């Protein structure tokens, strides 16, 4: 089983804050990708199993494979709610 970041527009360095592809000059959604996909350099270091709220819990969909440097589509941020 391979666990990796999704090669979709949401993770591409060509995506603007307005969800427009700088390369194709068109509005895109999370479900889109293309052959010109280029992973945001910072994203590679931002998230992995170790930063997932589900890591090492019964909620982890890939408990037997989850490890540092890996990521799946079930990743959830570790957050604490502020009152």
N, C-alpha and C. Protein backbone atom coordinates (compact mmCIF):
# COMPACT_ATOMS: atom_id res chain seq x y z
N UNK A 1 0.85 -1.17 0.00
CA UNK A 1 0.00 0.00 0.00
C UNK A 1 0.89 1.24 0.00
N UNK A 2 0.65 2.14 -0.91
CA UNK A 2 1.39 3.39 -0.96
C UNK A 2 0.56 4.48 -0.30
N UNK A 3 1.18 5.19 0.62
CA UNK A 3 0.51 6.32 1.26
C UNK A 3 1.28 7.56 0.83
N UNK A 4 0.59 8.50 0.20
CA UNK A 4 1.28 9.68 -0.31
C UNK A 4 0.31 10.85 -0.44
N UNK A 5 0.87 12.01 -0.66
CA UNK A 5 0.04 13.19 -0.89
C UNK A 5 -0.68 13.05 -2.22
N UNK A 6 -1.88 13.57 -2.29
CA UNK A 6 -2.65 13.53 -3.52
C UNK A 6 -2.07 14.53 -4.50
N UNK A 7 -1.88 14.11 -5.74
CA UNK A 7 -1.37 14.99 -6.79
C UNK A 7 -2.51 15.78 -7.40
N UNK A 8 -3.17 16.56 -6.58
CA UNK A 8 -4.30 17.36 -7.04
C UNK A 8 -3.98 18.84 -6.97
N UNK A 9 -4.82 19.62 -7.60
CA UNK A 9 -4.61 21.07 -7.65
C UNK A 9 -4.43 21.68 -6.26
N UNK A 10 -5.11 21.15 -5.27
CA UNK A 10 -5.05 21.71 -3.92
C UNK A 10 -3.62 21.69 -3.37
N UNK A 11 -2.79 20.77 -3.84
CA UNK A 11 -1.41 20.64 -3.37
C UNK A 11 -0.39 21.17 -4.37
N UNK A 12 -0.84 21.84 -5.41
CA UNK A 12 0.05 22.29 -6.49
C UNK A 12 0.52 23.72 -6.25
N UNK A 13 1.78 23.97 -6.59
CA UNK A 13 2.32 25.32 -6.41
C UNK A 13 1.76 26.31 -7.42
N UNK A 14 1.05 25.83 -8.44
CA UNK A 14 0.44 26.72 -9.43
C UNK A 14 -0.94 27.22 -9.03
N UNK A 15 -1.44 26.79 -7.87
CA UNK A 15 -2.76 27.20 -7.41
C UNK A 15 -2.67 28.53 -6.65
N UNK A 16 -3.56 29.45 -7.00
CA UNK A 16 -3.61 30.74 -6.29
C UNK A 16 -4.59 30.64 -5.13
N UNK A 17 -4.61 31.64 -4.29
CA UNK A 17 -5.53 31.69 -3.15
C UNK A 17 -6.99 31.74 -3.60
N UNK A 18 -7.22 32.16 -4.83
CA UNK A 18 -8.58 32.23 -5.39
C UNK A 18 -8.96 30.95 -6.11
N UNK A 19 -8.18 29.88 -5.94
CA UNK A 19 -8.41 28.58 -6.60
C UNK A 19 -8.34 28.68 -8.12
N UNK A 20 -7.42 29.49 -8.62
CA UNK A 20 -7.19 29.60 -10.05
C UNK A 20 -5.81 29.02 -10.35
N UNK A 21 -5.75 28.19 -11.38
CA UNK A 21 -4.48 27.62 -11.81
C UNK A 21 -3.71 28.67 -12.59
N UNK A 22 -2.51 29.01 -12.11
CA UNK A 22 -1.69 30.02 -12.79
C UNK A 22 -1.23 29.54 -14.16
N UNK A 23 -1.07 28.24 -14.31
CA UNK A 23 -0.59 27.67 -15.57
C UNK A 23 -1.68 27.63 -16.63
N UNK A 24 -2.89 27.23 -16.25
CA UNK A 24 -3.98 27.07 -17.20
C UNK A 24 -4.98 28.23 -17.19
N UNK A 25 -4.79 29.17 -16.26
CA UNK A 25 -5.67 30.34 -16.16
C UNK A 25 -7.16 29.94 -16.09
N UNK A 26 -7.45 28.98 -15.20
CA UNK A 26 -8.82 28.54 -15.03
C UNK A 26 -9.09 28.21 -13.57
N UNK A 27 -10.33 28.35 -13.15
CA UNK A 27 -10.72 28.03 -11.78
C UNK A 27 -10.76 26.51 -11.63
N UNK A 28 -10.20 26.01 -10.53
CA UNK A 28 -10.15 24.57 -10.30
C UNK A 28 -10.72 24.23 -8.93
N UNK A 29 -10.97 22.93 -8.72
CA UNK A 29 -11.49 22.42 -7.46
C UNK A 29 -10.56 21.35 -6.93
N UNK A 30 -10.83 20.87 -5.72
CA UNK A 30 -10.01 19.86 -5.07
C UNK A 30 -9.88 18.60 -5.92
N UNK A 31 -10.93 18.24 -6.65
CA UNK A 31 -10.94 17.00 -7.42
C UNK A 31 -10.08 17.05 -8.69
N UNK A 32 -9.59 18.21 -9.07
CA UNK A 32 -8.83 18.35 -10.31
C UNK A 32 -7.34 18.09 -10.16
N UNK A 33 -6.73 17.67 -11.25
CA UNK A 33 -5.28 17.55 -11.38
C UNK A 33 -4.95 17.62 -12.86
N UNK A 34 -3.65 17.72 -13.18
CA UNK A 34 -3.23 17.74 -14.58
C UNK A 34 -1.81 17.20 -14.68
N UNK A 35 -1.32 17.05 -15.91
CA UNK A 35 0.03 16.53 -16.12
C UNK A 35 1.11 17.53 -15.73
N UNK A 36 0.73 18.78 -15.50
CA UNK A 36 1.70 19.80 -15.11
C UNK A 36 1.76 19.99 -13.60
N UNK A 37 1.15 19.07 -12.86
CA UNK A 37 1.14 19.15 -11.39
C UNK A 37 2.55 19.30 -10.86
N UNK A 38 2.72 20.23 -9.92
CA UNK A 38 4.01 20.46 -9.29
C UNK A 38 3.77 20.69 -7.79
N UNK A 39 4.18 19.73 -6.97
CA UNK A 39 3.93 19.77 -5.53
C UNK A 39 4.50 21.05 -4.91
N UNK A 40 3.68 21.70 -4.09
CA UNK A 40 4.17 22.86 -3.33
C UNK A 40 5.34 22.40 -2.49
N UNK A 41 6.50 23.02 -2.61
CA UNK A 41 7.67 22.58 -1.83
C UNK A 41 7.43 22.57 -0.33
N UNK A 42 6.72 23.56 0.19
CA UNK A 42 6.52 23.63 1.64
C UNK A 42 5.58 22.55 2.14
N UNK A 43 4.66 22.08 1.28
CA UNK A 43 3.70 21.08 1.71
C UNK A 43 4.37 19.77 2.08
N UNK A 44 5.47 19.45 1.42
CA UNK A 44 6.17 18.20 1.69
C UNK A 44 6.63 18.11 3.14
N UNK A 45 6.90 19.25 3.75
CA UNK A 45 7.38 19.27 5.12
C UNK A 45 6.29 19.63 6.13
N UNK A 46 5.12 20.03 5.65
CA UNK A 46 4.05 20.50 6.54
C UNK A 46 3.27 19.37 7.19
N UNK A 47 2.98 18.33 6.43
CA UNK A 47 2.10 17.28 6.93
C UNK A 47 2.64 15.89 6.66
N UNK A 48 2.44 15.02 7.61
CA UNK A 48 2.68 13.59 7.44
C UNK A 48 1.94 12.87 8.55
N UNK A 49 2.11 11.58 8.64
CA UNK A 49 1.37 10.81 9.65
C UNK A 49 1.63 11.33 11.06
N UNK A 50 2.85 11.76 11.33
CA UNK A 50 3.19 12.20 12.68
C UNK A 50 2.45 13.46 13.11
N UNK A 51 1.97 14.25 12.15
CA UNK A 51 1.23 15.47 12.48
C UNK A 51 -0.28 15.27 12.35
N UNK A 52 -0.70 14.04 12.18
CA UNK A 52 -2.12 13.73 12.03
C UNK A 52 -2.76 13.45 13.39
N UNK A 53 -3.93 14.00 13.60
CA UNK A 53 -4.64 13.79 14.86
C UNK A 53 -5.06 12.33 15.04
N UNK A 54 -5.16 11.60 13.94
CA UNK A 54 -5.59 10.20 14.00
C UNK A 54 -4.43 9.22 14.18
N UNK A 55 -3.20 9.71 14.03
CA UNK A 55 -2.03 8.83 14.10
C UNK A 55 -1.97 8.08 15.43
N UNK A 56 -1.72 6.80 15.35
CA UNK A 56 -1.58 5.95 16.53
C UNK A 56 -2.86 5.83 17.34
N UNK A 57 -4.01 6.01 16.68
CA UNK A 57 -5.30 5.84 17.36
C UNK A 57 -6.15 4.86 16.55
N UNK A 58 -7.26 4.45 17.10
CA UNK A 58 -8.18 3.54 16.41
C UNK A 58 -8.80 4.21 15.18
N UNK A 59 -8.75 5.53 15.11
CA UNK A 59 -9.32 6.26 13.97
C UNK A 59 -8.43 6.24 12.74
N UNK A 60 -7.17 5.84 12.89
CA UNK A 60 -6.23 5.81 11.77
C UNK A 60 -6.62 4.70 10.80
N UNK A 61 -6.84 5.07 9.55
CA UNK A 61 -7.27 4.10 8.53
C UNK A 61 -6.14 3.19 8.07
N UNK A 62 -4.90 3.57 8.37
CA UNK A 62 -3.74 2.81 7.90
C UNK A 62 -2.76 2.54 9.03
N UNK A 63 -3.26 2.12 10.17
CA UNK A 63 -2.44 1.95 11.38
C UNK A 63 -1.19 1.10 11.16
N UNK A 64 -1.30 0.06 10.35
CA UNK A 64 -0.15 -0.84 10.18
C UNK A 64 0.93 -0.25 9.27
N UNK A 65 0.60 0.79 8.51
CA UNK A 65 1.56 1.38 7.58
C UNK A 65 1.95 2.81 7.93
N UNK A 66 1.20 3.45 8.78
CA UNK A 66 1.43 4.86 9.09
C UNK A 66 2.79 5.07 9.74
N UNK A 67 3.50 6.10 9.28
CA UNK A 67 4.83 6.41 9.81
C UNK A 67 5.22 7.82 9.40
N UNK A 68 6.26 8.32 10.00
CA UNK A 68 6.78 9.63 9.64
C UNK A 68 7.17 9.67 8.18
N UNK A 69 6.89 10.77 7.50
CA UNK A 69 7.21 10.92 6.09
C UNK A 69 6.15 10.36 5.16
N UNK A 70 5.10 9.76 5.72
CA UNK A 70 4.02 9.21 4.90
C UNK A 70 2.75 10.00 5.16
N UNK A 71 1.80 9.88 4.22
CA UNK A 71 0.55 10.60 4.34
C UNK A 71 -0.52 9.90 3.52
N UNK A 72 -1.75 9.91 4.00
CA UNK A 72 -2.88 9.34 3.25
C UNK A 72 -3.98 10.38 3.16
N UNK A 73 -5.08 10.03 2.49
CA UNK A 73 -6.19 10.95 2.32
C UNK A 73 -7.02 11.16 3.58
N UNK A 74 -6.71 10.43 4.63
CA UNK A 74 -7.46 10.54 5.88
C UNK A 74 -6.81 11.50 6.87
N UNK A 75 -5.73 12.19 6.47
CA UNK A 75 -4.99 13.07 7.37
C UNK A 75 -5.91 14.12 7.98
N UNK A 76 -5.76 14.34 9.27
CA UNK A 76 -6.54 15.36 9.99
C UNK A 76 -5.58 16.18 10.83
N UNK A 77 -5.70 17.49 10.81
CA UNK A 77 -4.77 18.33 11.57
C UNK A 77 -4.92 18.16 13.08
N UNK A 78 -3.81 18.26 13.76
CA UNK A 78 -3.85 18.28 15.22
C UNK A 78 -4.18 19.70 15.62
N UNK A 79 -5.33 19.88 16.25
CA UNK A 79 -5.74 21.22 16.66
C UNK A 79 -6.29 21.18 18.06
N UNK A 80 -6.27 22.31 18.69
CA UNK A 80 -6.92 22.45 19.99
C UNK A 80 -7.88 23.62 19.87
N UNK A 81 -9.08 23.42 20.30
CA UNK A 81 -10.09 24.47 20.22
C UNK A 81 -9.85 25.50 21.31
N UNK A 82 -10.01 26.75 20.93
CA UNK A 82 -9.89 27.83 21.91
C UNK A 82 -11.27 28.37 22.23
N UNK A 83 -11.52 28.61 23.49
CA UNK A 83 -12.83 29.10 23.91
C UNK A 83 -12.95 30.58 23.68
